[in-house]
Amino acid sequence: MRKLLLGMFLLLFTATSLMAQSGEDAFKAAKKAIDAYNLNNDAAKLTEAVDMAEKAIDSDAVQADPKMMLKLGDIYAAAINTYVINRSTGLSDERFTDNAAIKGAKAYMASFDASEKKGDQKKALKGLSELQGNITNQGIYAIQDKDFADALEAFETSIMAHDFLTSNGGESTMTPDKLNDDRYYAGLSAVLLEKFDAAEPMFLALREAGYDDSGVYDGLFKVYSGKGDLDTAAKYLAEGRAKYPEESGLLFNEINLYIEQNKLSELIEKLEEGITAEPDNPSLYIVLGQTFEKLYTTETEAGNAEKAAEYFEKAQSTYARGLEQDKDNAKLIYATGLLIYNRGAAMSQELVELGNDFSKEGQRKYEALKTKVDAEFEKALPYFQKAEMSDPSDMSTLIALKEMYARNDEYEISNEFKARIEKVQAGETIEKSYFKEKGM
């Protein structure tokens, strides 16, 4: 038994020694390669140095040695510097390793922490200071590549490196303005990733510093609305709107907030403001028209016919204003048709009730109302047809046309639109308009 235990101990000791030796050997190979690169600028040697550094970095023995970690920091610094030069000059966008600047920064900080000699600590701080600009560059390139996770980590590392340098007697190259820029990009990346807890301190620090960019308030709004705290979101949004009244992005946030809170009168005011700022934005006309439609429905259900008619007219005129800007906009054309169609559909509910009244007076009312309902549907149809001519693949338009032609007992046409719906659902795009092919 003792022999077995001794054998297991020796096996474990040998394996551990080999791992340590493997890490140290990898470091030696990395050092040799980077020294050769520094002599002759051979890119293959830099690649070799980085590859060996990747193997050495996880070794406990290497991590405990400040000189080794300093050298690994130098290797990663050379890798990111060469990458930045190559990419900025258009030579290449190939990376020697992912997140070289971050790895370099962590290596320098680890070297400092493991050092007992002031001279070694100064070297680590100097390496970290010289790396700072490229930590930011790595984050900027990550944003350009839409790799927001890497961007967030890079900008967070930039801020961490600055704090590390200033708290340990080093010299940070980051000015207050540059540091705030990195905070801004970190917050932006975090919001895009919906990592609101990471974004929150960045934007709060920028607000406290008086960072002059409306994006700070856009960020705070998105952070707190994303966390479900609409009151705080509204507070910062109002502050931003007061500071940047001409900024349309904040205005659209305000519109979205009022939609979320169902504050229709405030919403209408802000939508009109948005249309003044961006008269060629069809989405604003659509949302405003739909808001009037909602009020029309509410007043109709409450039995306020006069007020309902007023809101119906406002909805219709809003869509018409949008079409004055873009007469072929399929969504605005469809919205106009749907408005009229829905009024006819609402009348149809009353028609069902009258259908159960078989008295002479009941039948007279039924026929009179049916004439009105049919007229509404007939008025809606040309809008759906025109919408289909503008966008033959729009699903909402295709469904409306299928239903309307089925209602008119024109099943051949209805089935044509049913087939088109199935094609769109299967991922196809309808290239040719049915009605254009019919010569309309």
Protein backbone atom coordinates (compact mmCIF):
# COMPACT_ATOMS: atom_id res chain seq x y z
CA MET A 1 0.00 0.00 0.00
CA ARG A 2 2.86 2.37 0.94
CA LYS A 3 4.53 1.58 -2.38
CA LEU A 4 1.29 2.37 -4.22
CA LEU A 5 0.87 5.70 -2.42
CA LEU A 6 4.52 6.53 -2.99
CA GLY A 7 4.11 5.71 -6.67
CA MET A 8 1.04 7.95 -6.92
CA PHE A 9 2.93 10.77 -5.18
CA LEU A 10 5.87 10.42 -7.54
CA LEU A 11 3.52 10.35 -10.54
CA LEU A 12 1.75 13.50 -9.35
CA PHE A 13 5.06 15.22 -8.59
CA THR A 14 6.44 14.29 -11.99
CA ALA A 15 3.30 15.52 -13.81
CA THR A 16 3.37 18.79 -11.89
CA SER A 17 7.06 19.25 -12.64
CA LEU A 18 6.46 18.62 -16.31
CA MET A 19 3.66 21.19 -16.39
CA ALA A 20 5.88 23.75 -14.66
CA GLN A 21 8.74 22.88 -16.96
CA SER A 22 6.40 23.09 -19.93
CA GLY A 23 5.32 26.62 -18.96
CA GLU A 24 8.89 27.73 -18.35
CA ASP A 25 10.07 26.11 -21.58
CA ALA A 26 7.29 27.88 -23.47
CA PHE A 27 8.39 31.15 -21.89
CA LYS A 28 12.00 30.55 -22.92
CA ALA A 29 10.86 29.88 -26.48
CA ALA A 30 8.69 33.01 -26.41
CA LYS A 31 11.60 35.12 -25.12
CA LYS A 32 13.95 33.77 -27.76
CA ALA A 33 11.42 34.49 -30.52
CA ILE A 34 10.63 38.04 -29.36
CA ASP A 35 14.35 38.83 -29.03
CA ALA A 36 14.82 37.66 -32.62
CA TYR A 37 11.85 39.76 -33.73
CA ASN A 38 13.29 42.84 -32.04
CA LEU A 39 16.56 42.29 -33.96
CA ASN A 40 15.22 41.69 -37.48
CA ASN A 41 11.49 42.59 -37.35
CA ASP A 42 10.55 39.15 -38.69
CA ALA A 43 6.76 38.82 -38.37
CA ALA A 44 7.05 35.04 -38.20
CA LYS A 45 9.10 35.42 -35.03
CA LEU A 46 6.45 37.65 -33.49
CA THR A 47 3.82 35.04 -34.32
CA GLU A 48 5.99 32.38 -32.70
CA ALA A 49 6.54 34.55 -29.63
CA VAL A 50 2.81 35.11 -29.19
CA ASP A 51 2.02 31.40 -29.66
CA MET A 52 4.56 30.46 -26.99
CA ALA A 53 3.34 33.24 -24.70
CA GLU A 54 -0.18 31.80 -24.90
CA LYS A 55 1.19 28.50 -23.60
CA ALA A 56 3.35 30.08 -20.92
CA ILE A 57 0.81 32.51 -19.48
CA ASP A 58 -1.21 29.87 -17.61
CA SER A 59 1.80 28.43 -15.79
CA ASP A 60 1.82 29.13 -12.04
CA ALA A 61 5.61 29.35 -12.12
CA VAL A 62 5.52 31.95 -14.88
CA GLN A 63 2.78 33.97 -13.19
CA ALA A 64 4.80 34.07 -9.97
CA ASP A 65 7.87 35.44 -11.73
CA PRO A 66 7.70 39.23 -12.26
CA LYS A 67 10.42 39.24 -14.94
CA MET A 68 8.64 36.55 -16.95
CA MET A 69 5.30 38.36 -16.73
CA LEU A 70 7.02 41.60 -17.75
CA LYS A 71 8.41 39.91 -20.84
CA LEU A 72 5.00 38.43 -21.69
CA GLY A 73 3.55 41.93 -21.38
CA ASP A 74 6.19 43.13 -23.85
CA ILE A 75 5.27 40.33 -26.29
CA TYR A 76 1.56 41.18 -26.22
CA ALA A 77 2.40 44.88 -26.50
CA ALA A 78 4.43 44.17 -29.65
CA ALA A 79 1.56 42.09 -31.03
CA ILE A 80 -1.09 44.78 -30.57
CA ASN A 81 1.24 47.53 -31.80
CA THR A 82 1.99 45.63 -35.02
CA TYR A 83 -1.73 44.88 -35.48
CA VAL A 84 -2.66 48.56 -35.08
CA ILE A 85 0.03 49.65 -37.57
CA ASN A 86 -1.00 46.99 -40.09
CA ARG A 87 -4.70 47.75 -39.81
CA SER A 88 -4.36 51.53 -39.85
CA THR A 89 -2.17 51.39 -42.97
CA GLY A 90 -4.34 48.80 -44.73
CA LEU A 91 -1.62 46.14 -44.78
CA SER A 92 -3.60 43.53 -42.87
CA ASP A 93 -6.35 43.14 -40.29
CA GLU A 94 -5.14 39.74 -39.09
CA ARG A 95 -4.59 39.52 -35.34
CA PHE A 96 -1.72 37.64 -33.70
CA THR A 97 -4.11 36.72 -30.89
CA ASP A 98 -7.45 37.89 -29.57
CA ASN A 99 -7.37 40.83 -27.16
CA ALA A 100 -3.59 41.22 -27.15
CA ALA A 101 -3.76 44.62 -25.45
CA ILE A 102 -5.91 43.26 -22.63
CA LYS A 103 -3.56 40.32 -22.12
CA GLY A 104 -0.58 42.65 -22.15
CA ALA A 105 -2.14 44.98 -19.57
CA LYS A 106 -2.95 42.08 -17.26
CA ALA A 107 0.60 40.73 -17.64
CA TYR A 108 2.13 44.08 -16.68
CA MET A 109 -0.16 44.45 -13.67
CA ALA A 110 0.62 40.88 -12.59
CA SER A 111 4.34 41.62 -12.95
CA PHE A 112 4.01 44.67 -10.72
CA ASP A 113 2.04 42.75 -8.08
CA ALA A 114 4.62 39.93 -8.05
CA SER A 115 7.60 42.31 -7.85
CA GLU A 116 9.41 43.12 -4.64
CA LYS A 117 12.04 45.35 -6.24
CA LYS A 118 11.13 48.93 -7.10
CA GLY A 119 13.11 48.72 -10.31
CA ASP A 120 10.99 45.81 -11.55
CA GLN A 121 7.81 47.61 -10.52
CA LYS A 122 8.84 50.71 -12.47
CA LYS A 123 9.43 48.61 -15.58
CA ALA A 124 5.95 47.07 -15.26
CA LEU A 125 4.33 50.49 -14.81
CA LYS A 126 6.29 51.88 -17.78
CA GLY A 127 5.16 49.00 -20.00
CA LEU A 128 1.54 49.47 -18.93
CA SER A 129 1.72 53.22 -19.53
CA GLU A 130 3.13 52.75 -23.04
CA LEU A 131 0.39 50.21 -23.81
CA GLN A 132 -2.54 52.47 -22.88
CA GLY A 133 -3.11 54.02 -26.30
CA ASN A 134 -3.34 50.62 -27.96
CA ILE A 135 -5.79 49.32 -25.35
CA THR A 136 -8.10 52.08 -26.55
CA ASN A 137 -7.29 51.34 -30.20
CA GLN A 138 -8.22 47.70 -29.67
CA GLY A 139 -11.59 48.78 -28.28
CA ILE A 140 -12.22 51.13 -31.19
CA TYR A 141 -11.45 48.42 -33.73
CA ALA A 142 -13.76 46.04 -31.87
CA ILE A 143 -16.59 48.57 -32.13
CA GLN A 144 -15.91 48.98 -35.84
CA ASP A 145 -16.13 45.19 -36.16
CA LYS A 146 -19.36 45.22 -34.10
CA ASP A 147 -17.69 42.95 -31.54
CA PHE A 148 -19.15 44.78 -28.57
CA ALA A 149 -18.15 42.20 -25.96
CA ASP A 150 -14.46 42.63 -26.84
CA ALA A 151 -14.96 46.40 -27.04
CA LEU A 152 -16.45 46.51 -23.56
CA GLU A 153 -13.59 44.47 -22.11
CA ALA A 154 -11.00 46.67 -23.82
CA PHE A 155 -12.44 49.96 -22.58
CA GLU A 156 -12.97 48.57 -19.08
CA THR A 157 -9.32 47.46 -19.14
CA SER A 158 -8.27 50.93 -20.27
CA ILE A 159 -10.01 52.49 -17.28
CA MET A 160 -8.59 49.82 -14.96
CA ALA A 161 -5.06 50.42 -16.29
CA HIS A 162 -5.40 54.17 -15.67
CA ASP A 163 -6.57 53.58 -12.11
CA PHE A 164 -3.77 51.05 -11.53
CA LEU A 165 -1.11 53.46 -12.73
CA THR A 166 -2.34 56.44 -10.75
CA SER A 167 -2.77 54.45 -7.54
CA ASN A 168 0.70 52.87 -7.77
CA GLY A 169 2.83 55.87 -8.62
CA GLY A 170 2.87 55.31 -12.37
CA GLU A 171 2.28 57.86 -15.11
CA SER A 172 -0.98 57.49 -17.03
CA THR A 173 -1.07 58.82 -20.58
CA MET A 174 -4.83 59.23 -20.36
CA THR A 175 -6.07 62.81 -20.11
CA PRO A 176 -9.43 63.35 -18.38
CA ASP A 177 -11.07 63.83 -21.79
CA LYS A 178 -9.60 60.62 -23.22
CA LEU A 179 -10.58 58.70 -20.10
CA ASN A 180 -14.14 59.94 -20.41
CA ASP A 181 -14.19 58.96 -24.08
CA ASP A 182 -13.28 55.41 -23.06
CA ARG A 183 -15.99 55.46 -20.38
CA TYR A 184 -18.47 56.55 -23.04
CA TYR A 185 -17.52 53.75 -25.42
CA ALA A 186 -17.58 51.23 -22.57
CA GLY A 187 -21.08 52.36 -21.63
CA LEU A 188 -22.23 52.30 -25.25
CA SER A 189 -20.89 48.77 -25.75
CA ALA A 190 -22.51 47.59 -22.52
CA VAL A 191 -25.91 49.02 -23.53
CA LEU A 192 -25.71 47.32 -26.92
CA LEU A 193 -25.01 44.06 -25.07
CA GLU A 194 -27.86 44.86 -22.63
CA LYS A 195 -25.34 44.66 -19.77
CA PHE A 196 -27.01 47.53 -17.95
CA ASP A 197 -25.18 47.02 -14.64
CA ALA A 198 -21.88 47.49 -16.46
CA ALA A 199 -23.13 50.54 -18.36
CA GLU A 200 -24.67 52.33 -15.37
CA PRO A 201 -21.48 53.48 -13.56
CA MET A 202 -19.92 54.61 -16.85
CA PHE A 203 -22.74 56.98 -17.76
CA LEU A 204 -23.19 58.20 -14.18
CA ALA A 205 -19.48 59.08 -14.03
CA LEU A 206 -19.76 60.92 -17.35
CA ARG A 207 -22.77 62.89 -16.15
CA GLU A 208 -20.92 63.79 -12.95
CA ALA A 209 -17.91 64.91 -15.02
CA GLY A 210 -20.10 67.12 -17.24
CA TYR A 211 -19.26 65.13 -20.38
CA ASP A 212 -20.79 67.15 -23.21
CA ASP A 213 -22.65 64.57 -25.27
CA SER A 214 -26.36 63.82 -25.46
CA GLY A 215 -25.43 60.14 -25.64
CA VAL A 216 -24.85 60.22 -21.86
CA TYR A 217 -28.56 60.81 -21.29
CA ASP A 218 -29.52 58.43 -24.05
CA GLY A 219 -27.39 55.84 -22.27
CA LEU A 220 -28.89 56.55 -18.84
CA PHE A 221 -32.39 56.33 -20.29
CA LYS A 222 -31.64 52.98 -21.88
CA VAL A 223 -29.93 51.66 -18.75
CA TYR A 224 -32.84 52.40 -16.43
CA SER A 225 -35.61 51.56 -18.88
CA GLY A 226 -33.75 48.30 -19.56
CA LYS A 227 -33.74 47.61 -15.82
CA GLY A 228 -37.47 48.40 -15.61
CA ASP A 229 -37.00 51.63 -13.63
CA LEU A 230 -39.04 53.96 -15.83
CA ASP A 231 -39.21 56.75 -13.22
CA THR A 232 -35.42 57.09 -13.10
CA ALA A 233 -35.24 56.69 -16.88
CA ALA A 234 -37.75 59.53 -17.27
CA LYS A 235 -35.79 61.72 -14.82
CA TYR A 236 -32.55 61.48 -16.79
CA LEU A 237 -34.37 61.78 -20.11
CA ALA A 238 -36.03 65.03 -19.00
CA GLU A 239 -32.63 66.32 -17.88
CA GLY A 240 -31.13 65.43 -21.24
CA ARG A 241 -34.00 66.98 -23.21
CA ALA A 242 -33.59 70.22 -21.26
CA LYS A 243 -29.85 70.25 -21.98
CA TYR A 244 -30.08 69.11 -25.63
CA PRO A 245 -33.53 70.23 -26.88
CA GLU A 246 -32.60 69.81 -30.55
CA GLU A 247 -31.31 66.23 -30.21
CA SER A 248 -33.77 63.99 -32.09
CA GLY A 249 -32.46 60.78 -30.49
CA LEU A 250 -33.60 61.94 -27.05
CA LEU A 251 -36.92 63.05 -28.52
CA PHE A 252 -37.50 59.56 -29.92
CA ASN A 253 -36.64 58.09 -26.52
CA GLU A 254 -39.29 60.36 -25.05
CA ILE A 255 -41.78 59.15 -27.64
CA ASN A 256 -40.99 55.52 -26.76
CA LEU A 257 -41.39 56.30 -23.06
CA TYR A 258 -44.84 57.81 -23.58
CA ILE A 259 -45.84 54.81 -25.68
CA GLU A 260 -44.70 52.52 -22.84
CA GLN A 261 -46.61 54.61 -20.29
CA ASN A 262 -49.65 55.01 -22.57
CA LYS A 263 -49.59 58.80 -22.12
CA LEU A 264 -51.33 59.63 -25.37
CA SER A 265 -51.69 63.41 -25.13
CA GLU A 266 -47.98 63.82 -24.29
CA LEU A 267 -47.17 61.32 -27.04
CA ILE A 268 -49.07 63.32 -29.66
CA GLU A 269 -47.22 66.50 -28.69
CA LYS A 270 -43.82 64.81 -28.97
CA LEU A 271 -44.67 63.09 -32.24
CA GLU A 272 -45.64 66.42 -33.79
CA GLU A 273 -42.34 67.79 -32.52
CA GLY A 274 -40.58 64.83 -34.11
CA ILE A 275 -42.31 65.40 -37.44
CA THR A 276 -41.18 69.02 -37.39
CA ALA A 277 -37.61 67.83 -36.82
CA GLU A 278 -37.75 64.96 -39.34
CA PRO A 279 -40.64 65.54 -41.77
CA ASP A 280 -39.48 62.74 -44.07
CA ASN A 281 -39.58 60.04 -41.35
CA PRO A 282 -42.60 57.82 -42.19
CA SER A 283 -42.51 56.00 -38.84
CA LEU A 284 -43.50 59.19 -37.02
CA TYR A 285 -46.64 59.63 -39.14
CA ILE A 286 -47.54 55.98 -38.63
CA VAL A 287 -47.17 56.12 -34.84
CA LEU A 288 -49.06 59.43 -34.65
CA GLY A 289 -51.84 58.09 -36.85
CA GLN A 290 -52.08 54.93 -34.75
CA THR A 291 -52.29 57.08 -31.62
CA PHE A 292 -55.26 58.96 -33.07
CA GLU A 293 -56.77 55.60 -34.06
CA LYS A 294 -56.48 54.42 -30.48
CA LEU A 295 -58.30 57.52 -29.28
CA TYR A 296 -60.90 57.02 -32.02
CA THR A 297 -61.55 53.48 -30.79
CA THR A 298 -61.80 54.63 -27.16
CA GLU A 299 -64.33 57.34 -27.99
CA THR A 300 -66.31 54.99 -30.23
CA GLU A 301 -66.61 52.42 -27.45
CA ALA A 302 -67.66 55.19 -25.05
CA GLY A 303 -70.43 56.23 -27.44
CA ASN A 304 -68.93 59.66 -28.17
CA ALA A 305 -69.61 59.68 -31.90
CA GLU A 306 -68.61 63.31 -32.52
CA LYS A 307 -65.26 62.98 -30.73
CA ALA A 308 -64.64 59.62 -32.40
CA ALA A 309 -65.20 61.17 -35.83
CA GLU A 310 -62.73 63.94 -34.96
CA TYR A 311 -59.98 61.45 -34.07
CA PHE A 312 -60.73 59.36 -37.17
CA GLU A 313 -60.23 62.43 -39.32
CA LYS A 314 -56.98 63.28 -37.52
CA ALA A 315 -55.66 59.76 -38.08
CA GLN A 316 -56.55 59.85 -41.77
CA SER A 317 -55.08 63.32 -42.29
CA THR A 318 -51.87 62.27 -40.49
CA TYR A 319 -51.36 59.39 -42.91
CA ALA A 320 -52.12 61.77 -45.78
CA ARG A 321 -49.42 64.17 -44.52
CA GLY A 322 -46.96 61.30 -44.52
CA LEU A 323 -47.91 60.33 -48.05
CA GLU A 324 -47.27 63.90 -49.18
CA GLN A 325 -43.64 63.24 -48.23
CA ASP A 326 -43.52 59.77 -49.82
CA LYS A 327 -46.53 58.94 -51.98
CA ASP A 328 -45.43 55.33 -52.56
CA ASN A 329 -44.72 54.38 -48.95
CA ALA A 330 -46.39 50.97 -48.60
CA LYS A 331 -46.77 51.15 -44.82
CA LEU A 332 -48.53 54.53 -44.89
CA ILE A 333 -50.80 53.40 -47.72
CA TYR A 334 -51.62 50.19 -45.84
CA ALA A 335 -52.24 52.12 -42.60
CA THR A 336 -54.77 54.35 -44.39
CA GLY A 337 -56.61 51.34 -45.78
CA LEU A 338 -56.56 49.57 -42.42
CA LEU A 339 -58.03 52.62 -40.68
CA ILE A 340 -61.01 52.60 -43.04
CA TYR A 341 -61.29 48.80 -42.97
CA ASN A 342 -61.36 48.74 -39.16
CA ARG A 343 -64.18 51.28 -39.10
CA GLY A 344 -66.15 48.99 -41.38
CA ALA A 345 -65.28 45.97 -39.23
CA ALA A 346 -66.53 47.79 -36.12
CA MET A 347 -69.81 48.52 -37.89
CA SER A 348 -70.04 44.83 -38.77
CA GLN A 349 -70.41 43.95 -35.08
CA GLU A 350 -73.60 45.97 -34.93
CA LEU A 351 -74.67 44.35 -38.20
CA VAL A 352 -74.52 40.92 -36.55
CA GLU A 353 -76.86 42.10 -33.80
CA LEU A 354 -79.32 43.58 -36.28
CA GLY A 355 -79.28 40.33 -38.25
CA ASN A 356 -81.18 38.70 -35.39
CA ASP A 357 -83.98 41.25 -35.62
CA PHE A 358 -86.44 39.90 -38.19
CA SER A 359 -88.94 42.71 -37.84
CA LYS A 360 -89.56 44.98 -40.81
CA GLU A 361 -87.88 47.90 -39.06
CA GLY A 362 -84.98 45.67 -38.00
CA GLN A 363 -84.42 44.49 -41.56
CA ARG A 364 -84.56 48.05 -42.85
CA LYS A 365 -81.85 49.09 -40.37
CA TYR A 366 -79.83 46.02 -41.28
CA GLU A 367 -79.86 46.83 -45.00
CA ALA A 368 -79.02 50.48 -44.39
CA LEU A 369 -76.07 49.59 -42.16
CA LYS A 370 -74.89 46.86 -44.52
CA THR A 371 -74.72 49.44 -47.30
CA LYS A 372 -72.48 51.60 -45.09
CA VAL A 373 -70.27 48.65 -44.13
CA ASP A 374 -69.86 47.58 -47.74
CA ALA A 375 -69.00 51.15 -48.68
CA GLU A 376 -66.26 51.28 -46.03
CA PHE A 377 -64.72 48.06 -47.27
CA GLU A 378 -64.89 49.29 -50.85
CA LYS A 379 -63.10 52.50 -49.84
CA ALA A 380 -60.37 50.49 -48.08
CA LEU A 381 -59.68 48.08 -50.96
CA PRO A 382 -57.86 50.52 -53.30
CA TYR A 383 -55.40 51.39 -50.53
CA PHE A 384 -54.54 47.72 -50.01
CA GLN A 385 -54.16 47.28 -53.76
CA LYS A 386 -51.83 50.28 -53.98
CA ALA A 387 -49.85 49.05 -50.96
CA GLU A 388 -49.36 45.70 -52.71
CA MET A 389 -48.09 47.49 -55.80
CA SER A 390 -45.53 49.34 -53.66
CA ASP A 391 -44.44 46.26 -51.70
CA PRO A 392 -45.67 42.89 -53.07
CA SER A 393 -44.09 40.98 -50.15
CA ASP A 394 -45.69 42.88 -47.27
CA MET A 395 -47.39 40.23 -45.16
CA SER A 396 -50.02 42.51 -43.59
CA THR A 397 -51.14 43.74 -47.00
CA LEU A 398 -51.33 40.21 -48.42
CA ILE A 399 -53.46 39.02 -45.50
CA ALA A 400 -55.82 41.98 -45.86
CA LEU A 401 -56.27 41.33 -49.58
CA LYS A 402 -56.87 37.62 -49.05
CA GLU A 403 -59.60 38.37 -46.49
CA MET A 404 -61.24 41.12 -48.52
CA TYR A 405 -61.51 39.08 -51.70
CA ALA A 406 -62.83 36.10 -49.74
CA ARG A 407 -65.46 38.40 -48.23
CA ASN A 408 -66.47 39.44 -51.75
CA ASP A 409 -66.69 35.75 -52.78
CA GLU A 410 -63.80 36.26 -55.23
CA TYR A 411 -62.05 33.08 -54.14
CA GLU A 412 -59.71 32.76 -57.11
CA ILE A 413 -58.05 36.08 -56.24
CA SER A 414 -58.19 35.29 -52.52
CA ASN A 415 -56.40 31.99 -53.13
CA GLU A 416 -53.73 33.78 -55.17
CA PHE A 417 -52.91 35.92 -52.15
CA LYS A 418 -53.06 32.88 -49.89
CA ALA A 419 -50.38 31.26 -52.08
CA ARG A 420 -48.27 34.42 -51.90
CA ILE A 421 -48.58 34.48 -48.12
CA GLU A 422 -47.28 30.91 -47.97
CA LYS A 423 -44.31 31.85 -50.15
CA VAL A 424 -43.39 34.78 -47.92
CA GLN A 425 -43.75 32.57 -44.84
CA ALA A 426 -41.32 30.13 -46.49
CA GLY A 427 -38.76 32.91 -46.83
CA GLU A 428 -39.36 33.87 -50.44
CA THR A 429 -39.63 37.42 -51.75
CA ILE A 430 -42.48 38.30 -54.08
CA GLU A 431 -40.86 40.30 -56.86
CA LYS A 432 -43.87 41.10 -59.06
CA SER A 433 -47.03 42.88 -57.95
CA TYR A 434 -50.28 41.05 -58.68
CA PHE A 435 -52.11 44.25 -59.52
CA LYS A 436 -49.31 45.69 -61.65
CA GLU A 437 -49.37 42.50 -63.69
CA LYS A 438 -53.11 43.03 -64.12
CA GLY A 439 -52.42 46.47 -65.56
CA MET A 440 -53.61 48.59 -62.66
